Amino acid sequence: GVIIGRTSEFFDFFVFAIASVIVFPQRIFPFVDPLSGTLLSFALLA
C-alpha cells in the first residue's frame, strides 16, 4: 500500500514538474523569454 500510494503522489508531482519545463513556459507564459517563463513555472511548482 505504501509503494502504490507514494508512486501515485510522485507521478502527479513529476507530471507537473516536467510540464513546467517543456510546456508551461510556451503555453502559459509565452509573453516572456523562455528563461523567465521557466522561472515563473517553477514559482507555481513551489
ModelCIF file with pLDDT and N, C-alpha, C, O atoms, coordinates in Angstrom:
data_MODEL
#
_entry.id   MODEL 
#
_entity.id                         1 
_entity.type                       polymer 
_entity.pdbx_number_of_molecules   1 
#
_entity_poly.entity_id                      1 
_entity_poly.type                           'polypeptide(L)' 
_entity_poly.nstd_linkage                   no 
_entity_poly.nstd_monomer                   no 
_entity_poly.pdbx_seq_one_letter_code       GVIIGRTSEFFDFFVFAIASVIVFPQRIFPFVDPLSGTLLSFALLA 
_entity_poly.pdbx_seq_one_letter_code_can   GVIIGRTSEFFDFFVFAIASVIVFPQRIFPFVDPLSGTLLSFALLA 
_entity_poly.pdbx_strand_id                 A 
#
loop_
_entity_poly_seq.entity_id 
_entity_poly_seq.num 
_entity_poly_seq.mon_id 
_entity_poly_seq.hetero 
1 1  GLY n 
1 2  VAL n 
1 3  ILE n 
1 4  ILE n 
1 5  GLY n 
1 6  ARG n 
1 7  THR n 
1 8  SER n 
1 9  GLU n 
1 10 PHE n 
1 11 PHE n 
1 12 ASP n 
1 13 PHE n 
1 14 PHE n 
1 15 VAL n 
1 16 PHE n 
1 17 ALA n 
1 18 ILE n 
1 19 ALA n 
1 20 SER n 
1 21 VAL n 
1 22 ILE n 
1 23 VAL n 
1 24 PHE n 
1 25 PRO n 
1 26 GLN n 
1 27 ARG n 
1 28 ILE n 
1 29 PHE n 
1 30 PRO n 
1 31 PHE n 
1 32 VAL n 
1 33 ASP n 
1 34 PRO n 
1 35 LEU n 
1 36 SER n 
1 37 GLY n 
1 38 THR n 
1 39 LEU n 
1 40 LEU n 
1 41 SER n 
1 42 PHE n 
1 43 ALA n 
1 44 LEU n 
1 45 LEU n 
1 46 ALA n 
#
_struct_asym.id          A 
_struct_asym.entity_id   1 
#
loop_
_ma_qa_metric.id 
_ma_qa_metric.mode 
_ma_qa_metric.name 
_ma_qa_metric.software_group_id 
_ma_qa_metric.type 
1 global pLDDT . pLDDT 
2 local  pLDDT . pLDDT 
#
_ma_qa_metric_global.metric_id      1 
_ma_qa_metric_global.metric_value   92.96 
_ma_qa_metric_global.model_id       1 
_ma_qa_metric_global.ordinal_id     1 
#
loop_
_ma_qa_metric_local.label_asym_id 
_ma_qa_metric_local.label_comp_id 
_ma_qa_metric_local.label_seq_id 
_ma_qa_metric_local.metric_id 
_ma_qa_metric_local.metric_value 
_ma_qa_metric_local.model_id 
_ma_qa_metric_local.ordinal_id 
A GLY 1  2 75.00 1 1  
A VAL 2  2 80.00 1 2  
A ILE 3  2 86.00 1 3  
A ILE 4  2 85.00 1 4  
A GLY 5  2 83.00 1 5  
A ARG 6  2 86.00 1 6  
A THR 7  2 90.00 1 7  
A SER 8  2 88.00 1 8  
A GLU 9  2 86.00 1 9  
A PHE 10 2 90.00 1 10 
A PHE 11 2 93.00 1 11 
A ASP 12 2 90.00 1 12 
A PHE 13 2 89.00 1 13 
A PHE 14 2 93.00 1 14 
A VAL 15 2 94.00 1 15 
A PHE 16 2 95.00 1 16 
A ALA 17 2 94.00 1 17 
A ILE 18 2 96.00 1 18 
A ALA 19 2 96.00 1 19 
A SER 20 2 96.00 1 20 
A VAL 21 2 95.00 1 21 
A ILE 22 2 95.00 1 22 
A VAL 23 2 96.00 1 23 
A PHE 24 2 97.00 1 24 
A PRO 25 2 96.00 1 25 
A GLN 26 2 95.00 1 26 
A ARG 27 2 95.00 1 27 
A ILE 28 2 96.00 1 28 
A PHE 29 2 97.00 1 29 
A PRO 30 2 96.00 1 30 
A PHE 31 2 96.00 1 31 
A VAL 32 2 96.00 1 32 
A ASP 33 2 95.00 1 33 
A PRO 34 2 95.00 1 34 
A LEU 35 2 95.00 1 35 
A SER 36 2 96.00 1 36 
A GLY 37 2 96.00 1 37 
A THR 38 2 96.00 1 38 
A LEU 39 2 96.00 1 39 
A LEU 40 2 97.00 1 40 
A SER 41 2 97.00 1 41 
A PHE 42 2 96.00 1 42 
A ALA 43 2 96.00 1 43 
A LEU 44 2 96.00 1 44 
A LEU 45 2 95.00 1 45 
A ALA 46 2 95.00 1 46 
#
loop_
_atom_site.group_PDB 
_atom_site.id 
_atom_site.type_symbol 
_atom_site.label_atom_id 
_atom_site.label_alt_id 
_atom_site.label_comp_id 
_atom_site.label_asym_id 
_atom_site.label_entity_id 
_atom_site.label_seq_id 
_atom_site.pdbx_PDB_ins_code 
_atom_site.Cartn_x 
_atom_site.Cartn_y 
_atom_site.Cartn_z 
_atom_site.occupancy 
_atom_site.B_iso_or_equiv 
_atom_site.pdbx_formal_charge 
_atom_site.auth_seq_id 
_atom_site.auth_comp_id 
_atom_site.auth_asym_id 
_atom_site.auth_atom_id 
_atom_site.pdbx_PDB_model_num 
ATOM 1   N N  . GLY A 1 1  ? 0.809  -1.212 0.000   1.00 75.00 ? 1  GLY A N  1 
ATOM 2   C CA . GLY A 1 1  ? 0.000  0.000  0.000   1.00 75.00 ? 1  GLY A CA 1 
ATOM 3   C C  . GLY A 1 1  ? 0.838  1.256  0.000   1.00 75.00 ? 1  GLY A C  1 
ATOM 4   O O  . GLY A 1 1  ? 0.496  2.239  -0.657  1.00 75.00 ? 1  GLY A O  1 
ATOM 5   N N  . VAL A 1 2  ? 1.935  1.228  0.736   1.00 80.00 ? 2  VAL A N  1 
ATOM 6   C CA . VAL A 1 2  ? 2.823  2.388  0.805   1.00 80.00 ? 2  VAL A CA 1 
ATOM 7   C C  . VAL A 1 2  ? 3.427  2.690  -0.560  1.00 80.00 ? 2  VAL A C  1 
ATOM 8   O O  . VAL A 1 2  ? 3.422  3.841  -0.998  1.00 80.00 ? 2  VAL A O  1 
ATOM 9   N N  . ILE A 1 3  ? 3.943  1.678  -1.231  1.00 86.00 ? 3  ILE A N  1 
ATOM 10  C CA . ILE A 1 3  ? 4.595  1.881  -2.528  1.00 86.00 ? 3  ILE A CA 1 
ATOM 11  C C  . ILE A 1 3  ? 3.605  2.418  -3.556  1.00 86.00 ? 3  ILE A C  1 
ATOM 12  O O  . ILE A 1 3  ? 3.920  3.355  -4.289  1.00 86.00 ? 3  ILE A O  1 
ATOM 13  N N  . ILE A 1 4  ? 2.411  1.831  -3.613  1.00 85.00 ? 4  ILE A N  1 
ATOM 14  C CA . ILE A 1 4  ? 1.410  2.290  -4.572  1.00 85.00 ? 4  ILE A CA 1 
ATOM 15  C C  . ILE A 1 4  ? 1.018  3.731  -4.288  1.00 85.00 ? 4  ILE A C  1 
ATOM 16  O O  . ILE A 1 4  ? 0.919  4.548  -5.203  1.00 85.00 ? 4  ILE A O  1 
ATOM 17  N N  . GLY A 1 5  ? 0.796  4.040  -3.009  1.00 83.00 ? 5  GLY A N  1 
ATOM 18  C CA . GLY A 1 5  ? 0.394  5.397  -2.655  1.00 83.00 ? 5  GLY A CA 1 
ATOM 19  C C  . GLY A 1 5  ? 1.460  6.424  -2.974  1.00 83.00 ? 5  GLY A C  1 
ATOM 20  O O  . GLY A 1 5  ? 1.165  7.472  -3.550  1.00 83.00 ? 5  GLY A O  1 
ATOM 21  N N  . ARG A 1 6  ? 2.694  6.132  -2.604  1.00 86.00 ? 6  ARG A N  1 
ATOM 22  C CA . ARG A 1 6  ? 3.761  7.096  -2.862  1.00 86.00 ? 6  ARG A CA 1 
ATOM 23  C C  . ARG A 1 6  ? 4.055  7.241  -4.344  1.00 86.00 ? 6  ARG A C  1 
ATOM 24  O O  . ARG A 1 6  ? 4.375  8.337  -4.805  1.00 86.00 ? 6  ARG A O  1 
ATOM 25  N N  . THR A 1 7  ? 3.952  6.150  -5.103  1.00 90.00 ? 7  THR A N  1 
ATOM 26  C CA . THR A 1 7  ? 4.167  6.231  -6.547  1.00 90.00 ? 7  THR A CA 1 
ATOM 27  C C  . THR A 1 7  ? 3.164  7.172  -7.196  1.00 90.00 ? 7  THR A C  1 
ATOM 28  O O  . THR A 1 7  ? 3.531  7.976  -8.053  1.00 90.00 ? 7  THR A O  1 
ATOM 29  N N  . SER A 1 8  ? 1.907  7.080  -6.794  1.00 88.00 ? 8  SER A N  1 
ATOM 30  C CA . SER A 1 8  ? 0.884  7.957  -7.375  1.00 88.00 ? 8  SER A CA 1 
ATOM 31  C C  . SER A 1 8  ? 1.162  9.416  -7.049  1.00 88.00 ? 8  SER A C  1 
ATOM 32  O O  . SER A 1 8  ? 1.008  10.285 -7.908  1.00 88.00 ? 8  SER A O  1 
ATOM 33  N N  . GLU A 1 9  ? 1.576  9.696  -5.797  1.00 86.00 ? 9  GLU A N  1 
ATOM 34  C CA . GLU A 1 9  ? 1.868  11.069 -5.406  1.00 86.00 ? 9  GLU A CA 1 
ATOM 35  C C  . GLU A 1 9  ? 3.034  11.637 -6.215  1.00 86.00 ? 9  GLU A C  1 
ATOM 36  O O  . GLU A 1 9  ? 2.968  12.766 -6.702  1.00 86.00 ? 9  GLU A O  1 
ATOM 37  N N  . PHE A 1 10 ? 4.094  10.854 -6.356  1.00 90.00 ? 10 PHE A N  1 
ATOM 38  C CA . PHE A 1 10 ? 5.266  11.358 -7.080  1.00 90.00 ? 10 PHE A CA 1 
ATOM 39  C C  . PHE A 1 10 ? 5.011  11.417 -8.579  1.00 90.00 ? 10 PHE A C  1 
ATOM 40  O O  . PHE A 1 10 ? 5.579  12.271 -9.260  1.00 90.00 ? 10 PHE A O  1 
ATOM 41  N N  . PHE A 1 11 ? 4.175  10.535 -9.110  1.00 93.00 ? 11 PHE A N  1 
ATOM 42  C CA . PHE A 1 11 ? 3.835  10.626 -10.522 1.00 93.00 ? 11 PHE A CA 1 
ATOM 43  C C  . PHE A 1 11 ? 3.135  11.958 -10.800 1.00 93.00 ? 11 PHE A C  1 
ATOM 44  O O  . PHE A 1 11 ? 3.466  12.649 -11.763 1.00 93.00 ? 11 PHE A O  1 
ATOM 45  N N  . ASP A 1 12 ? 2.162  12.315 -9.947  1.00 90.00 ? 12 ASP A N  1 
ATOM 46  C CA . ASP A 1 12 ? 1.489  13.601 -10.103 1.00 90.00 ? 12 ASP A CA 1 
ATOM 47  C C  . ASP A 1 12 ? 2.493  14.744 -10.058 1.00 90.00 ? 12 ASP A C  1 
ATOM 48  O O  . ASP A 1 12 ? 2.427  15.678 -10.856 1.00 90.00 ? 12 ASP A O  1 
ATOM 49  N N  . PHE A 1 13 ? 3.426  14.656 -9.111  1.00 89.00 ? 13 PHE A N  1 
ATOM 50  C CA . PHE A 1 13 ? 4.426  15.713 -8.967  1.00 89.00 ? 13 PHE A CA 1 
ATOM 51  C C  . PHE A 1 13 ? 5.283  15.837 -10.218 1.00 89.00 ? 13 PHE A C  1 
ATOM 52  O O  . PHE A 1 13 ? 5.502  16.943 -10.712 1.00 89.00 ? 13 PHE A O  1 
ATOM 53  N N  . PHE A 1 14 ? 5.765  14.725 -10.728 1.00 93.00 ? 14 PHE A N  1 
ATOM 54  C CA . PHE A 1 14 ? 6.676  14.790 -11.868 1.00 93.00 ? 14 PHE A CA 1 
ATOM 55  C C  . PHE A 1 14 ? 5.973  15.187 -13.151 1.00 93.00 ? 14 PHE A C  1 
ATOM 56  O O  . PHE A 1 14 ? 6.587  15.815 -14.013 1.00 93.00 ? 14 PHE A O  1 
ATOM 57  N N  . VAL A 1 15 ? 4.714  14.841 -13.302 1.00 94.00 ? 15 VAL A N  1 
ATOM 58  C CA . VAL A 1 15 ? 3.968  15.288 -14.478 1.00 94.00 ? 15 VAL A CA 1 
ATOM 59  C C  . VAL A 1 15 ? 3.935  16.814 -14.505 1.00 94.00 ? 15 VAL A C  1 
ATOM 60  O O  . VAL A 1 15 ? 4.177  17.428 -15.544 1.00 94.00 ? 15 VAL A O  1 
ATOM 61  N N  . PHE A 1 16 ? 3.635  17.418 -13.363 1.00 95.00 ? 16 PHE A N  1 
ATOM 62  C CA . PHE A 1 16 ? 3.607  18.878 -13.313 1.00 95.00 ? 16 PHE A CA 1 
ATOM 63  C C  . PHE A 1 16 ? 5.013  19.453 -13.491 1.00 95.00 ? 16 PHE A C  1 
ATOM 64  O O  . PHE A 1 16 ? 5.191  20.449 -14.191 1.00 95.00 ? 16 PHE A O  1 
ATOM 65  N N  . ALA A 1 17 ? 6.011  18.830 -12.861 1.00 94.00 ? 17 ALA A N  1 
ATOM 66  C CA . ALA A 1 17 ? 7.375  19.348 -12.923 1.00 94.00 ? 17 ALA A CA 1 
ATOM 67  C C  . ALA A 1 17 ? 7.918  19.321 -14.347 1.00 94.00 ? 17 ALA A C  1 
ATOM 68  O O  . ALA A 1 17 ? 8.525  20.293 -14.797 1.00 94.00 ? 17 ALA A O  1 
ATOM 69  N N  . ILE A 1 18 ? 7.707  18.227 -15.052 1.00 96.00 ? 18 ILE A N  1 
ATOM 70  C CA . ILE A 1 18 ? 8.187  18.130 -16.430 1.00 96.00 ? 18 ILE A CA 1 
ATOM 71  C C  . ILE A 1 18 ? 7.467  19.148 -17.320 1.00 96.00 ? 18 ILE A C  1 
ATOM 72  O O  . ILE A 1 18 ? 8.087  19.800 -18.160 1.00 96.00 ? 18 ILE A O  1 
ATOM 73  N N  . ALA A 1 19 ? 6.158  19.275 -17.124 1.00 96.00 ? 19 ALA A N  1 
ATOM 74  C CA . ALA A 1 19 ? 5.396  20.256 -17.902 1.00 96.00 ? 19 ALA A CA 1 
ATOM 75  C C  . ALA A 1 19 ? 5.852  21.677 -17.590 1.00 96.00 ? 19 ALA A C  1 
ATOM 76  O O  . ALA A 1 19 ? 5.762  22.556 -18.448 1.00 96.00 ? 19 ALA A O  1 
ATOM 77  N N  . SER A 1 20 ? 6.340  21.913 -16.370 1.00 96.00 ? 20 SER A N  1 
ATOM 78  C CA . SER A 1 20 ? 6.832  23.247 -16.002 1.00 96.00 ? 20 SER A CA 1 
ATOM 79  C C  . SER A 1 20 ? 8.033  23.657 -16.840 1.00 96.00 ? 20 SER A C  1 
ATOM 80  O O  . SER A 1 20 ? 8.305  24.847 -17.002 1.00 96.00 ? 20 SER A O  1 
ATOM 81  N N  . VAL A 1 21 ? 8.738  22.691 -17.363 1.00 95.00 ? 21 VAL A N  1 
ATOM 82  C CA . VAL A 1 21 ? 9.925  22.982 -18.172 1.00 95.00 ? 21 VAL A CA 1 
ATOM 83  C C  . VAL A 1 21 ? 9.604  23.001 -19.658 1.00 95.00 ? 21 VAL A C  1 
ATOM 84  O O  . VAL A 1 21 ? 10.061 23.890 -20.376 1.00 95.00 ? 21 VAL A O  1 
ATOM 85  N N  . ILE A 1 22 ? 8.829  22.039 -20.126 1.00 95.00 ? 22 ILE A N  1 
ATOM 86  C CA . ILE A 1 22 ? 8.686  21.862 -21.575 1.00 95.00 ? 22 ILE A CA 1 
ATOM 87  C C  . ILE A 1 22 ? 7.353  22.339 -22.139 1.00 95.00 ? 22 ILE A C  1 
ATOM 88  O O  . ILE A 1 22 ? 7.189  22.401 -23.358 1.00 95.00 ? 22 ILE A O  1 
ATOM 89  N N  . VAL A 1 23 ? 6.392  22.678 -21.269 1.00 96.00 ? 23 VAL A N  1 
ATOM 90  C CA . VAL A 1 23 ? 5.064  23.073 -21.764 1.00 96.00 ? 23 VAL A CA 1 
ATOM 91  C C  . VAL A 1 23 ? 4.649  24.453 -21.280 1.00 96.00 ? 23 VAL A C  1 
ATOM 92  O O  . VAL A 1 23 ? 4.371  25.329 -22.098 1.00 96.00 ? 23 VAL A O  1 
ATOM 93  N N  . PHE A 1 24 ? 4.601  24.665 -19.987 1.00 97.00 ? 24 PHE A N  1 
ATOM 94  C CA . PHE A 1 24 ? 4.027  25.888 -19.434 1.00 97.00 ? 24 PHE A CA 1 
ATOM 95  C C  . PHE A 1 24 ? 4.739  27.161 -19.877 1.00 97.00 ? 24 PHE A C  1 
ATOM 96  O O  . PHE A 1 24 ? 4.066  28.167 -20.101 1.00 97.00 ? 24 PHE A O  1 
ATOM 97  N N  . PRO A 1 25 ? 6.078  27.171 -20.017 1.00 96.00 ? 25 PRO A N  1 
ATOM 98  C CA . PRO A 1 25 ? 6.702  28.411 -20.486 1.00 96.00 ? 25 PRO A CA 1 
ATOM 99  C C  . PRO A 1 25 ? 6.178  28.861 -21.846 1.00 96.00 ? 25 PRO A C  1 
ATOM 100 O O  . PRO A 1 25 ? 6.133  30.060 -22.119 1.00 96.00 ? 25 PRO A O  1 
ATOM 101 N N  . GLN A 1 26 ? 5.787  27.935 -22.690 1.00 95.00 ? 26 GLN A N  1 
ATOM 102 C CA . GLN A 1 26 ? 5.300  28.290 -24.022 1.00 95.00 ? 26 GLN A CA 1 
ATOM 103 C C  . GLN A 1 26 ? 3.797  28.505 -24.060 1.00 95.00 ? 26 GLN A C  1 
ATOM 104 O O  . GLN A 1 26 ? 3.317  29.335 -24.832 1.00 95.00 ? 26 GLN A O  1 
ATOM 105 N N  . ARG A 1 27 ? 3.050  27.784 -23.251 1.00 95.00 ? 27 ARG A N  1 
ATOM 106 C CA . ARG A 1 27 ? 1.590  27.886 -23.306 1.00 95.00 ? 27 ARG A CA 1 
ATOM 107 C C  . ARG A 1 27 ? 1.018  28.866 -22.278 1.00 95.00 ? 27 ARG A C  1 
ATOM 108 O O  . ARG A 1 27 ? 0.023  29.536 -22.555 1.00 95.00 ? 27 ARG A O  1 
ATOM 109 N N  . ILE A 1 28 ? 1.628  28.956 -21.109 1.00 96.00 ? 28 ILE A N  1 
ATOM 110 C CA . ILE A 1 28 ? 1.081  29.797 -20.045 1.00 96.00 ? 28 ILE A CA 1 
ATOM 111 C C  . ILE A 1 28 ? 1.850  31.110 -19.914 1.00 96.00 ? 28 ILE A C  1 
ATOM 112 O O  . ILE A 1 28 ? 1.278  32.126 -19.520 1.00 96.00 ? 28 ILE A O  1 
ATOM 113 N N  . PHE A 1 29 ? 3.130  31.096 -20.239 1.00 97.00 ? 29 PHE A N  1 
ATOM 114 C CA . PHE A 1 29 ? 3.951  32.313 -20.114 1.00 97.00 ? 29 PHE A CA 1 
ATOM 115 C C  . PHE A 1 29 ? 4.640  32.653 -21.438 1.00 97.00 ? 29 PHE A C  1 
ATOM 116 O O  . PHE A 1 29 ? 5.854  32.855 -21.445 1.00 97.00 ? 29 PHE A O  1 
ATOM 117 N N  . PRO A 1 30 ? 3.915  32.724 -22.553 1.00 96.00 ? 30 PRO A N  1 
ATOM 118 C CA . PRO A 1 30 ? 4.562  32.998 -23.844 1.00 96.00 ? 30 PRO A CA 1 
ATOM 119 C C  . PRO A 1 30 ? 4.967  34.464 -24.003 1.00 96.00 ? 30 PRO A C  1 
ATOM 120 O O  . PRO A 1 30 ? 5.677  34.809 -24.948 1.00 96.00 ? 30 PRO A O  1 
ATOM 121 N N  . PHE A 1 31 ? 4.526  35.323 -23.096 1.00 96.00 ? 31 PHE A N  1 
ATOM 122 C CA . PHE A 1 31 ? 4.793  36.757 -23.205 1.00 96.00 ? 31 PHE A CA 1 
ATOM 123 C C  . PHE A 1 31 ? 6.163  37.137 -22.644 1.00 96.00 ? 31 PHE A C  1 
ATOM 124 O O  . PHE A 1 31 ? 6.540  38.308 -22.681 1.00 96.00 ? 31 PHE A O  1 
ATOM 125 N N  . VAL A 1 32 ? 6.911  36.157 -22.123 1.00 96.00 ? 32 VAL A N  1 
ATOM 126 C CA . VAL A 1 32 ? 8.262  36.433 -21.625 1.00 96.00 ? 32 VAL A CA 1 
ATOM 127 C C  . VAL A 1 32 ? 9.235  35.484 -22.338 1.00 96.00 ? 32 VAL A C  1 
ATOM 128 O O  . VAL A 1 32 ? 8.815  34.588 -23.071 1.00 96.00 ? 32 VAL A O  1 
ATOM 129 N N  . ASP A 1 33 ? 10.525 35.691 -22.116 1.00 95.00 ? 33 ASP A N  1 
ATOM 130 C CA . ASP A 1 33 ? 11.527 34.835 -22.735 1.00 95.00 ? 33 ASP A CA 1 
ATOM 131 C C  . ASP A 1 33 ? 11.487 33.446 -22.078 1.00 95.00 ? 33 ASP A C  1 
ATOM 132 O O  . ASP A 1 33 ? 10.930 33.297 -20.990 1.00 95.00 ? 33 ASP A O  1 
ATOM 133 N N  . PRO A 1 34 ? 12.073 32.433 -22.728 1.00 95.00 ? 34 PRO A N  1 
ATOM 134 C CA . PRO A 1 34 ? 11.998 31.059 -22.195 1.00 95.00 ? 34 PRO A CA 1 
ATOM 135 C C  . PRO A 1 34 ? 12.522 30.914 -20.766 1.00 95.00 ? 34 PRO A C  1 
ATOM 136 O O  . PRO A 1 34 ? 11.938 30.186 -19.963 1.00 95.00 ? 34 PRO A O  1 
ATOM 137 N N  . LEU A 1 35 ? 13.631 31.608 -20.443 1.00 95.00 ? 35 LEU A N  1 
ATOM 138 C CA . LEU A 1 35 ? 14.160 31.514 -19.087 1.00 95.00 ? 35 LEU A CA 1 
ATOM 139 C C  . LEU A 1 35 ? 13.159 32.061 -18.077 1.00 95.00 ? 35 LEU A C  1 
ATOM 140 O O  . LEU A 1 35 ? 12.871 31.409 -17.074 1.00 95.00 ? 35 LEU A O  1 
ATOM 141 N N  . SER A 1 36 ? 12.636 33.232 -18.329 1.00 96.00 ? 36 SER A N  1 
ATOM 142 C CA . SER A 1 36 ? 11.668 33.831 -17.400 1.00 96.00 ? 36 SER A CA 1 
ATOM 143 C C  . SER A 1 36 ? 10.412 32.977 -17.300 1.00 96.00 ? 36 SER A C  1 
ATOM 144 O O  . SER A 1 36 ? 9.836  32.838 -16.221 1.00 96.00 ? 36 SER A O  1 
ATOM 145 N N  . GLY A 1 37 ? 9.988  32.406 -18.421 1.00 96.00 ? 37 GLY A N  1 
ATOM 146 C CA . GLY A 1 37 ? 8.825  31.535 -18.390 1.00 96.00 ? 37 GLY A CA 1 
ATOM 147 C C  . GLY A 1 37 ? 9.056  30.309 -17.527 1.00 96.00 ? 37 GLY A C  1 
ATOM 148 O O  . GLY A 1 37 ? 8.160  29.874 -16.804 1.00 96.00 ? 37 GLY A O  1 
ATOM 149 N N  . THR A 1 38 ? 10.265 29.748 -17.604 1.00 96.00 ? 38 THR A N  1 
ATOM 150 C CA . THR A 1 38 ? 10.595 28.583 -16.780 1.00 96.00 ? 38 THR A CA 1 
ATOM 151 C C  . THR A 1 38 ? 10.646 28.960 -15.307 1.00 96.00 ? 38 THR A C  1 
ATOM 152 O O  . THR A 1 38 ? 10.161 28.214 -14.456 1.00 96.00 ? 38 THR A O  1 
ATOM 153 N N  . LEU A 1 39 ? 11.228 30.112 -15.003 1.00 96.00 ? 39 LEU A N  1 
ATOM 154 C CA . LEU A 1 39 ? 11.292 30.561 -13.614 1.00 96.00 ? 39 LEU A CA 1 
ATOM 155 C C  . LEU A 1 39 ? 9.896  30.808 -13.046 1.00 96.00 ? 39 LEU A C  1 
ATOM 156 O O  . LEU A 1 39 ? 9.630  30.469 -11.893 1.00 96.00 ? 39 LEU A O  1 
ATOM 157 N N  . LEU A 1 40 ? 9.005  31.392 -13.843 1.00 97.00 ? 40 LEU A N  1 
ATOM 158 C CA . LEU A 1 40 ? 7.625  31.588 -13.398 1.00 97.00 ? 40 LEU A CA 1 
ATOM 159 C C  . LEU A 1 40 ? 6.924  30.253 -13.183 1.00 97.00 ? 40 LEU A C  1 
ATOM 160 O O  . LEU A 1 40 ? 6.146  30.100 -12.241 1.00 97.00 ? 40 LEU A O  1 
ATOM 161 N N  . SER A 1 41 ? 7.195  29.297 -14.047 1.00 97.00 ? 41 SER A N  1 
ATOM 162 C CA . SER A 1 41 ? 6.624  27.957 -13.872 1.00 97.00 ? 41 SER A CA 1 
ATOM 163 C C  . SER A 1 41 ? 7.134  27.312 -12.593 1.00 97.00 ? 41 SER A C  1 
ATOM 164 O O  . SER A 1 41 ? 6.378  26.646 -11.886 1.00 97.00 ? 41 SER A O  1 
ATOM 165 N N  . PHE A 1 42 ? 8.430  27.510 -12.289 1.00 96.00 ? 42 PHE A N  1 
ATOM 166 C CA . PHE A 1 42 ? 8.997  26.965 -11.053 1.00 96.00 ? 42 PHE A CA 1 
ATOM 167 C C  . PHE A 1 42 ? 8.385  27.639 -9.823  1.00 96.00 ? 42 PHE A C  1 
ATOM 168 O O  . PHE A 1 42 ? 8.277  27.021 -8.764  1.00 96.00 ? 42 PHE A O  1 
ATOM 169 N N  . ALA A 1 43 ? 7.984  28.912 -9.965  1.00 96.00 ? 43 ALA A N  1 
ATOM 170 C CA . ALA A 1 43 ? 7.297  29.569 -8.852  1.00 96.00 ? 43 ALA A CA 1 
ATOM 171 C C  . ALA A 1 43 ? 5.955  28.896 -8.586  1.00 96.00 ? 43 ALA A C  1 
ATOM 172 O O  . ALA A 1 43 ? 5.565  28.719 -7.432  1.00 96.00 ? 43 ALA A O  1 
ATOM 173 N N  . LEU A 1 44 ? 5.250  28.523 -9.650  1.00 96.00 ? 44 LEU A N  1 
ATOM 174 C CA . LEU A 1 44 ? 3.999  27.774 -9.482  1.00 96.00 ? 44 LEU A CA 1 
ATOM 175 C C  . LEU A 1 44 ? 4.276  26.391 -8.897  1.00 96.00 ? 44 LEU A C  1 
ATOM 176 O O  . LEU A 1 44 ? 3.505  25.890 -8.079  1.00 96.00 ? 44 LEU A O  1 
ATOM 177 N N  . LEU A 1 45 ? 5.381  25.779 -9.321  1.00 95.00 ? 45 LEU A N  1 
ATOM 178 C CA . LEU A 1 45 ? 5.766  24.482 -8.773  1.00 95.00 ? 45 LEU A CA 1 
ATOM 179 C C  . LEU A 1 45 ? 5.923  24.563 -7.256  1.00 95.00 ? 45 LEU A C  1 
ATOM 180 O O  . LEU A 1 45 ? 5.519  23.649 -6.536  1.00 95.00 ? 45 LEU A O  1 
ATOM 181 N N  . ALA A 1 46 ? 6.513  25.661 -6.773  1.00 95.00 ? 46 ALA A N  1 
ATOM 182 C CA . ALA A 1 46 ? 6.755  25.822 -5.339  1.00 95.00 ? 46 ALA A CA 1 
ATOM 183 C C  . ALA A 1 46 ? 5.477  26.052 -4.549  1.00 95.00 ? 46 ALA A C  1 
ATOM 184 O O  . ALA A 1 46 ? 5.525  26.205 -3.328  1.00 95.00 ? 46 ALA A O  1 
#
